[in-house]
N, C-alpha and C. Protein backbone atom coordinates (compact mmCIF):
# COMPACT_ATOMS: atom_id res chain seq x y z
N MET A 1 -13.45 3.67 22.68
CA MET A 1 -14.83 2.54 22.81
C MET A 1 -15.17 1.84 23.99
N ARG A 2 -16.28 1.44 24.17
CA ARG A 2 -16.86 0.75 25.69
C ARG A 2 -16.02 -0.34 25.71
N ASN A 3 -16.12 -1.12 26.45
CA ASN A 3 -15.19 -2.31 27.23
C ASN A 3 -16.28 -3.52 26.60
N ASN A 4 -17.45 -3.44 26.98
CA ASN A 4 -18.37 -4.67 26.03
C ASN A 4 -18.01 -4.22 24.76
N LEU A 5 -17.96 -3.51 23.80
CA LEU A 5 -17.97 -3.74 22.68
C LEU A 5 -16.10 -3.94 22.39
N GLY A 6 -15.43 -3.62 22.63
CA GLY A 6 -13.92 -3.88 22.85
C GLY A 6 -13.81 -5.85 22.57
N LYS A 7 -15.14 -5.54 23.90
CA LYS A 7 -14.15 -7.35 24.29
C LYS A 7 -14.98 -8.47 23.04
N ILE A 8 -16.01 -7.49 22.46
CA ILE A 8 -16.66 -8.35 21.48
C ILE A 8 -15.98 -8.73 20.79
N LEU A 9 -15.49 -7.91 20.03
CA LEU A 9 -14.69 -7.43 18.79
C LEU A 9 -13.83 -8.47 18.99
N ILE A 10 -12.79 -8.77 20.17
CA ILE A 10 -11.42 -9.41 20.75
C ILE A 10 -11.91 -10.98 20.08
N ASP A 11 -13.09 -10.87 21.17
CA ASP A 11 -13.37 -12.22 21.42
C ASP A 11 -13.74 -12.83 19.64
N SER A 12 -14.45 -11.91 19.07
CA SER A 12 -15.51 -12.79 17.38
C SER A 12 -14.33 -12.17 16.35
N HIS A 13 -13.06 -12.29 17.03
CA HIS A 13 -12.15 -12.23 15.68
C HIS A 13 -11.74 -11.39 14.42
N ILE A 14 -12.97 -10.31 14.39
CA ILE A 14 -13.38 -9.31 13.48
C ILE A 14 -12.75 -8.22 13.13
N SER A 15 -12.35 -7.70 14.77
CA SER A 15 -10.95 -6.63 14.25
C SER A 15 -10.00 -7.58 13.76
N ALA A 16 -9.27 -8.89 13.53
CA ALA A 16 -8.11 -9.00 13.44
C ALA A 16 -8.41 -8.93 12.25
N VAL A 17 -9.62 -10.03 11.41
CA VAL A 17 -9.90 -10.25 10.13
C VAL A 17 -9.79 -8.72 9.50
N ALA A 18 -10.33 -7.86 10.09
CA ALA A 18 -10.57 -6.44 9.10
C ALA A 18 -9.23 -5.98 9.22
N ILE A 19 -8.33 -6.27 10.01
CA ILE A 19 -6.72 -5.43 10.33
C ILE A 19 -5.98 -5.92 9.13
N ALA A 20 -6.51 -7.49 9.03
CA ALA A 20 -5.74 -8.42 8.16
C ALA A 20 -6.02 -8.17 6.52
N VAL A 21 -6.69 -7.89 6.16
CA VAL A 21 -7.49 -7.66 4.78
C VAL A 21 -6.96 -6.07 4.51
N LEU A 22 -7.36 -5.16 5.40
CA LEU A 22 -6.78 -4.00 5.44
C LEU A 22 -4.54 -4.16 5.06
N LEU A 23 -3.96 -4.81 5.98
CA LEU A 23 -3.01 -4.62 5.84
C LEU A 23 -2.46 -5.30 4.22
N ALA A 24 -3.53 -6.26 3.72
CA ALA A 24 -3.19 -7.04 2.18
C ALA A 24 -3.32 -5.97 1.40
N TRP A 25 -4.41 -4.85 1.59
CA TRP A 25 -5.06 -4.23 0.51
C TRP A 25 -3.62 -3.20 0.49
N SER A 26 -3.35 -2.84 1.79
CA SER A 26 -2.08 -1.45 1.67
C SER A 26 -0.96 -1.94 1.14
N ILE A 27 -0.47 -3.63 0.85
CA ILE A 27 0.89 -4.09 0.34
C ILE A 27 0.10 -4.20 -0.62
N THR A 28 -0.84 -4.60 -1.75
CA THR A 28 -1.32 -4.32 -3.11
C THR A 28 -1.15 -2.94 -3.38
N TYR A 29 -1.37 -2.49 -2.86
CA TYR A 29 -1.04 -0.87 -3.30
C TYR A 29 0.00 -0.11 -3.44
N GLY A 30 0.48 -0.44 -2.15
CA GLY A 30 1.99 -0.03 -2.34
C GLY A 30 2.96 -0.74 -3.76
N SER A 31 2.45 -2.29 -3.71
CA SER A 31 3.11 -2.89 -4.75
C SER A 31 2.78 -2.30 -6.28
N LEU A 32 1.91 -1.91 -6.14
CA LEU A 32 1.00 -1.46 -7.39
C LEU A 32 2.08 0.04 -8.05
N ALA A 33 2.00 0.70 -6.79
CA ALA A 33 2.62 1.98 -6.64
C ALA A 33 4.31 1.74 -6.65
N LEU A 34 4.81 0.80 -6.50
CA LEU A 34 6.20 0.52 -6.49
C LEU A 34 6.61 -0.14 -8.48
N SER A 35 5.42 -0.65 -8.57
CA SER A 35 5.26 -1.03 -10.06
C SER A 35 5.24 -0.19 -11.25
N TYR A 36 4.93 1.11 -10.79
CA TYR A 36 4.29 2.47 -11.74
C TYR A 36 5.45 3.11 -12.05
N LEU A 37 6.04 3.21 -10.33
CA LEU A 37 7.28 3.98 -10.37
C LEU A 37 8.92 3.39 -11.26
N LEU A 38 8.59 1.74 -11.13
CA LEU A 38 9.78 1.08 -12.03
C LEU A 38 9.55 1.25 -13.43
N VAL A 39 8.25 1.43 -13.82
CA VAL A 39 7.67 1.69 -14.95
C VAL A 39 8.51 2.74 -15.54
N LEU A 40 8.36 3.77 -14.99
CA LEU A 40 8.63 5.01 -15.30
C LEU A 40 10.35 5.08 -15.17
N ALA A 41 10.94 4.47 -14.07
CA ALA A 41 12.70 4.86 -14.30
C ALA A 41 13.06 3.91 -14.99
N GLY A 42 12.54 2.75 -15.61
CA GLY A 42 12.81 1.76 -16.76
C GLY A 42 12.68 2.55 -17.97
N GLU A 43 11.17 3.29 -18.54
CA GLU A 43 11.42 4.23 -19.53
C GLU A 43 12.71 5.03 -19.62
N PHE A 44 12.41 5.54 -18.46
CA PHE A 44 13.36 7.05 -18.51
C PHE A 44 14.87 6.37 -19.04
N LEU A 45 15.64 5.08 -18.55
CA LEU A 45 16.84 4.39 -18.66
C LEU A 45 16.79 3.82 -19.83
N PHE A 46 15.80 3.84 -20.62
CA PHE A 46 15.59 2.96 -21.48
C PHE A 46 16.14 4.17 -23.10
N SER A 47 15.32 5.38 -22.53
CA SER A 47 15.28 6.38 -23.54
C SER A 47 16.62 6.87 -23.11
N LEU A 48 17.02 6.71 -22.15
CA LEU A 48 18.84 7.81 -21.67
C LEU A 48 19.67 7.10 -22.41
N VAL A 49 19.50 5.40 -22.90
CA VAL A 49 20.61 4.70 -23.60
C VAL A 49 20.18 4.94 -24.90
N SER A 50 18.98 4.59 -25.42
CA SER A 50 18.82 4.51 -26.97
C SER A 50 19.09 6.08 -27.78
N ASP A 51 18.67 6.98 -26.95
CA ASP A 51 18.39 8.29 -27.48
C ASP A 51 19.71 9.22 -27.19
N VAL A 52 20.91 8.80 -26.91
CA VAL A 52 22.32 9.77 -26.38
C VAL A 52 22.37 10.83 -27.43
N SER A 53 22.28 10.02 -28.52
CA SER A 53 22.96 10.90 -29.91
C SER A 53 21.83 11.82 -30.40
N THR A 54 21.18 12.21 -30.14
CA THR A 54 19.64 13.38 -30.32
C THR A 54 19.84 13.96 -29.08
N TRP A 55 20.31 13.84 -27.71
CA TRP A 55 20.10 14.60 -26.93
C TRP A 55 20.25 16.18 -27.02
N TRP A 56 22.09 15.59 -28.05
CA TRP A 56 22.85 17.09 -27.90
C TRP A 56 22.06 18.01 -29.43
N ARG A 57 21.37 17.31 -30.20
CA ARG A 57 20.47 18.24 -30.95
C ARG A 57 19.02 18.62 -30.57
N ASP A 58 18.42 17.60 -30.30
CA ASP A 58 17.16 18.25 -29.78
C ASP A 58 16.80 18.76 -27.91
N GLY A 59 17.92 18.24 -27.78
CA GLY A 59 17.34 18.51 -25.88
C GLY A 59 16.47 17.61 -25.39
N LEU A 60 16.77 18.04 -23.81
CA LEU A 60 15.87 16.67 -23.36
C LEU A 60 14.18 16.60 -23.20
N MET A 61 13.79 17.37 -24.19
CA MET A 61 11.96 17.36 -23.71
C MET A 61 12.14 16.53 -24.71
N PRO A 62 11.13 15.19 -24.13
CA PRO A 62 10.35 13.90 -25.21
C PRO A 62 8.98 14.60 -25.66
N SER A 63 8.95 14.23 -26.68
CA SER A 63 7.47 14.69 -27.60
C SER A 63 5.68 14.21 -26.36
N SER A 64 5.00 15.05 -26.63
CA SER A 64 4.06 15.46 -25.97
C SER A 64 3.37 14.55 -25.39
N GLY A 65 3.23 12.94 -26.43
CA GLY A 65 2.79 11.74 -26.55
C GLY A 65 3.30 10.76 -25.33
N GLU A 66 4.89 11.16 -25.23
CA GLU A 66 5.31 10.37 -24.36
C GLU A 66 5.26 11.10 -23.03
N MET A 67 4.98 12.60 -23.36
CA MET A 67 5.17 13.13 -21.85
C MET A 67 3.45 13.06 -20.77
N LEU A 68 2.88 12.63 -21.90
CA LEU A 68 1.36 12.06 -21.58
C LEU A 68 1.48 11.14 -20.67
N PHE A 69 1.81 10.10 -21.30
CA PHE A 69 2.17 9.06 -20.74
C PHE A 69 2.56 9.05 -19.70
N ASP A 70 4.03 9.80 -19.61
CA ASP A 70 4.91 9.71 -18.52
C ASP A 70 3.68 10.53 -16.76
N ARG A 71 2.98 11.13 -17.68
CA ARG A 71 2.39 12.18 -15.94
C ARG A 71 1.25 11.25 -15.90
N VAL A 72 0.40 10.37 -16.67
CA VAL A 72 -0.73 9.48 -16.47
C VAL A 72 0.28 8.61 -15.18
N LEU A 73 1.35 7.90 -15.87
CA LEU A 73 1.75 6.74 -14.73
C LEU A 73 1.90 7.37 -13.38
N PHE A 74 3.07 8.41 -13.56
CA PHE A 74 2.93 9.14 -12.22
C PHE A 74 1.97 9.22 -11.39
N VAL A 75 0.84 9.96 -12.21
CA VAL A 75 -0.38 10.61 -10.98
C VAL A 75 -1.52 8.85 -10.78
N ARG A 76 -0.94 8.05 -10.97
CA ARG A 76 -1.08 6.33 -10.97
C ARG A 76 -0.68 6.21 -9.80
N ALA A 77 0.75 6.26 -9.88
CA ALA A 77 1.74 6.33 -9.21
C ALA A 77 1.69 6.73 -7.70
N LEU A 78 1.39 8.07 -8.00
CA LEU A 78 0.83 8.67 -6.25
C LEU A 78 -0.15 8.15 -5.89
N GLU A 79 -1.58 8.45 -6.65
CA GLU A 79 -2.84 7.88 -6.18
C GLU A 79 -2.33 6.63 -5.05
N TYR A 80 -1.75 5.51 -5.90
CA TYR A 80 -1.72 4.09 -4.97
C TYR A 80 -0.84 4.52 -3.75
N LEU A 81 0.37 5.11 -3.87
CA LEU A 81 0.65 6.05 -2.25
C LEU A 81 -0.05 6.22 -1.98
N PHE A 82 -1.01 7.27 -1.82
CA PHE A 82 -1.99 7.46 -1.16
C PHE A 82 -3.42 6.58 -0.94
N ARG A 83 -3.12 5.97 -1.12
CA ARG A 83 -4.19 4.81 -1.14
C ARG A 83 -3.48 3.60 -0.12
N THR A 84 -2.34 3.79 -0.56
CA THR A 84 -1.69 2.95 0.78
C THR A 84 -1.24 3.65 1.87
N LEU A 85 -1.02 4.37 1.88
CA LEU A 85 -0.84 5.34 3.34
C LEU A 85 -2.39 5.49 4.27
N VAL A 86 -3.65 5.20 3.41
CA VAL A 86 -4.73 5.46 4.00
C VAL A 86 -5.07 4.33 4.25
N VAL A 87 -4.99 3.27 3.89
CA VAL A 87 -5.53 2.29 3.98
C VAL A 87 -4.54 1.63 5.76
N PHE A 88 -3.53 1.83 5.03
CA PHE A 88 -2.73 1.50 6.51
C PHE A 88 -2.90 2.17 7.63
N GLY A 89 -3.06 3.40 7.36
CA GLY A 89 -3.33 3.92 8.40
C GLY A 89 -4.86 3.97 9.13
N ALA A 90 -5.75 3.40 8.04
CA ALA A 90 -6.92 2.80 8.56
C ALA A 90 -6.86 1.17 9.60
N ALA A 91 -5.83 0.61 8.90
CA ALA A 91 -5.66 -0.49 9.83
C ALA A 91 -4.86 -0.56 11.28
N TRP A 92 -4.22 0.76 11.32
CA TRP A 92 -3.40 1.19 12.42
C TRP A 92 -4.46 1.53 13.56
N ILE A 93 -5.47 2.49 12.89
CA ILE A 93 -6.39 2.84 13.99
C ILE A 93 -7.22 1.49 14.18
N VAL A 94 -7.88 0.68 13.30
CA VAL A 94 -8.40 -0.52 14.04
C VAL A 94 -7.78 -0.63 14.99
N SER A 95 -6.50 -1.03 14.72
CA SER A 95 -5.72 -1.60 15.66
C SER A 95 -5.50 -1.26 17.47
N ARG A 96 -5.34 0.22 16.88
CA ARG A 96 -5.23 1.02 18.10
C ARG A 96 -6.38 1.04 19.18
N CYS A 97 -7.21 1.06 18.45
CA CYS A 97 -8.95 1.00 18.97
C CYS A 97 -9.00 -0.03 19.76
N VAL A 98 -9.33 -1.16 19.68
CA VAL A 98 -9.42 -2.46 19.70
C VAL A 98 -8.24 -3.07 20.64
N TYR A 99 -7.00 -3.15 20.09
CA TYR A 99 -6.16 -3.99 20.86
C TYR A 99 -5.52 -2.79 21.75
N GLY A 100 -5.08 -1.39 21.47
CA GLY A 100 -4.19 -0.97 21.71
C GLY A 100 -2.78 -0.69 21.72
N ALA A 101 -2.31 -1.23 20.67
CA ALA A 101 -1.12 -1.04 19.93
C ALA A 101 -0.88 -1.49 18.50
N GLY A 102 -0.35 -1.27 17.81
CA GLY A 102 0.21 -1.22 16.47
C GLY A 102 -0.68 -2.65 15.40
N ALA A 103 -0.72 -2.46 14.43
CA ALA A 103 -1.58 -2.99 13.67
C ALA A 103 -0.62 -4.53 13.46
N LEU A 104 0.41 -4.55 13.22
CA LEU A 104 1.46 -5.85 13.12
C LEU A 104 1.34 -6.37 14.39
N HIS A 105 1.68 -5.85 15.30
CA HIS A 105 2.30 -6.21 16.71
C HIS A 105 0.66 -7.04 17.53
N SER A 106 -0.51 -5.96 17.31
CA SER A 106 -1.56 -6.92 17.62
C SER A 106 -1.91 -7.69 16.99
N LEU A 107 -1.69 -8.31 15.41
CA LEU A 107 -2.17 -9.12 15.06
C LEU A 107 -0.81 -10.35 15.37
N SER A 108 0.12 -10.27 15.21
CA SER A 108 0.91 -11.02 15.84
C SER A 108 0.71 -11.74 17.48
N GLN A 109 0.27 -11.04 17.91
CA GLN A 109 -0.29 -11.29 19.39
C GLN A 109 -1.48 -12.08 19.63
N HIS A 110 -2.75 -12.09 18.63
CA HIS A 110 -3.46 -12.50 18.51
C HIS A 110 -3.80 -13.53 18.18
N ARG A 111 -2.80 -14.34 16.85
CA ARG A 111 -2.71 -15.14 16.18
C ARG A 111 -2.76 -16.54 17.43
N PRO A 112 -1.85 -16.80 18.25
CA PRO A 112 -2.43 -17.31 19.28
C PRO A 112 -3.14 -17.65 20.04
N ARG A 113 -4.44 -16.80 20.23
CA ARG A 113 -5.34 -17.35 20.77
C ARG A 113 -6.45 -17.53 19.61
N VAL A 114 -6.22 -17.67 18.34
CA VAL A 114 -6.64 -18.31 17.38
C VAL A 114 -6.44 -19.46 17.33
N ALA A 115 -5.09 -19.88 17.15
CA ALA A 115 -5.20 -21.13 17.46
C ALA A 115 -5.28 -22.13 18.47
N ARG A 116 -5.34 -21.74 19.43
CA ARG A 116 -5.65 -21.94 20.92
C ARG A 116 -7.44 -22.50 20.75
N ARG A 117 -7.91 -21.86 20.36
CA ARG A 117 -9.93 -21.67 20.14
C ARG A 117 -10.11 -22.89 19.55
N ASP A 118 -11.03 -23.51 20.45
CA ASP A 118 -11.82 -24.93 20.06
C ASP A 118 -13.15 -24.42 19.26
N TYR A 119 -13.12 -25.04 17.82
CA TYR A 119 -14.19 -24.82 16.79
C TYR A 119 -14.92 -25.57 16.58
N VAL A 120 -15.09 -26.54 17.88
CA VAL A 120 -16.03 -27.58 18.04
C VAL A 120 -17.56 -27.27 17.64
């Protein structure tokens, strides 16, 4: 990146806002993925406790409707994990190009600059 463009991005705080928004999105996507995985784990534990007596007779195979629901939840969890990685990677790339450091480090270093700035 050219020196002038980098200076403009640093002075205008556009890159810091973009990094903060991308990190917020990655946190959101990560929490959604975690919630889907927790639902799957809870469903598994509930079926484990409630169907103990039928295991020995029917085996461990759930019905096709339950399997479809589980697959949809698992695919959604993987989708949100992928989105988390992509958005966090984008924040890291923007931070690396503009500030030369990681996303969290660059935001923590940029915060005092915003606090000192006079907006009059």
